């Protein structure tokens, strides 16, 4: 009985940890984060990366207006990766 309980706990934690890690990697989707990211994008000198980051930020802002926070965070992450921040 004890072995089954321990096995169940290990199995449950194996499924919970990846979900927790994914949430912690997502960018925060709020006005302050948006303004900070936009100012960093404006300061970029690499044109192709800047264009990609701006595109992702526009999609993030659109998602935020539609209250689709998971999509907003995903686009913010992509924008930050385009900037080389992550």
Protein backbone atom coordinates (compact mmCIF):
# COMPACT_ATOMS: atom_id res chain seq x y z
CA UNK A 1 0.00 0.00 0.00
CA UNK A 2 2.81 2.39 0.86
CA UNK A 3 4.56 1.67 -2.45
CA UNK A 4 1.40 2.53 -4.38
CA UNK A 5 0.99 5.81 -2.49
CA UNK A 6 4.61 6.80 -3.12
CA UNK A 7 4.36 5.84 -6.79
CA UNK A 8 1.19 7.91 -7.16
CA UNK A 9 2.85 10.93 -5.52
CA UNK A 10 5.90 10.68 -7.78
CA UNK A 11 3.72 10.31 -10.85
CA UNK A 12 1.56 13.28 -9.88
CA UNK A 13 4.59 15.50 -9.30
CA UNK A 14 6.06 14.47 -12.65
CA UNK A 15 3.01 15.86 -14.40
CA UNK A 16 2.71 18.97 -12.22
CA UNK A 17 6.29 20.25 -12.54
CA UNK A 18 6.32 20.84 -16.33
CA UNK A 19 3.06 22.78 -16.11
CA UNK A 20 4.47 24.91 -13.28
CA UNK A 21 7.70 25.53 -15.17
CA UNK A 22 5.78 26.62 -18.27
CA UNK A 23 3.79 29.19 -16.28
CA UNK A 24 6.91 30.69 -14.73
CA UNK A 25 8.52 31.22 -18.13
CA UNK A 26 5.61 33.22 -19.51
CA UNK A 27 6.03 36.97 -19.65
CA UNK A 28 3.75 39.06 -17.50
CA UNK A 29 1.06 40.64 -19.64
CA UNK A 30 0.23 44.05 -18.16
CA UNK A 31 0.59 47.71 -19.12
CA UNK A 32 3.88 48.18 -17.26
CA UNK A 33 5.48 45.17 -18.95
CA UNK A 34 4.18 46.31 -22.33
CA UNK A 35 5.65 49.80 -21.88
CA UNK A 36 8.98 48.38 -20.73
CA UNK A 37 9.19 45.98 -23.68
CA UNK A 38 8.20 48.71 -26.15
CA UNK A 39 10.94 51.02 -24.86
CA UNK A 40 13.50 48.22 -25.20
CA UNK A 41 12.31 47.52 -28.76
CA UNK A 42 12.58 51.22 -29.64
CA UNK A 43 16.21 51.17 -28.49
CA UNK A 44 17.12 48.20 -30.70
CA UNK A 45 19.44 48.77 -33.63
CA UNK A 46 19.05 45.45 -35.48
CA UNK A 47 16.30 46.11 -38.03
CA UNK A 48 15.15 42.55 -38.70
CA UNK A 49 14.97 41.60 -35.00
CA UNK A 50 13.31 44.92 -34.19
CA UNK A 51 10.65 44.35 -36.87
CA UNK A 52 9.91 40.84 -35.56
CA UNK A 53 9.74 42.09 -31.95
CA UNK A 54 7.38 44.93 -32.94
CA UNK A 55 5.13 42.46 -34.78
CA UNK A 56 4.97 40.20 -31.73
CA UNK A 57 4.26 43.15 -29.43
CA UNK A 58 1.39 44.28 -31.66
CA UNK A 59 -0.09 40.78 -31.44
CA UNK A 60 0.44 40.79 -27.66
CA UNK A 61 -1.36 44.13 -27.32
CA UNK A 62 -4.22 42.85 -29.45
CA UNK A 63 -4.50 39.71 -27.33
CA UNK A 64 -4.44 41.78 -24.14
CA UNK A 65 -7.31 43.95 -25.41
CA UNK A 66 -9.28 40.77 -26.12
CA UNK A 67 -8.46 39.50 -22.59
CA UNK A 68 -6.57 36.50 -24.01
CA UNK A 69 -3.77 36.63 -21.46
CA UNK A 70 -2.17 33.30 -22.36
CA UNK A 71 -1.80 34.41 -25.99
CA UNK A 72 -0.59 37.81 -24.86
CA UNK A 73 2.11 36.23 -22.71
CA UNK A 74 3.14 33.93 -25.54
CA UNK A 75 3.61 36.88 -27.92
CA UNK A 76 5.47 38.86 -25.24
CA UNK A 77 7.83 35.89 -24.80
CA UNK A 78 8.44 35.77 -28.53
CA UNK A 79 9.10 39.51 -28.62
CA UNK A 80 11.58 39.21 -25.76
CA UNK A 81 13.33 36.34 -27.53
CA UNK A 82 13.57 38.49 -30.65
CA UNK A 83 15.30 41.12 -28.54
CA UNK A 84 17.68 38.52 -27.15
CA UNK A 85 16.35 39.03 -23.62
CA UNK A 86 15.54 35.37 -22.97
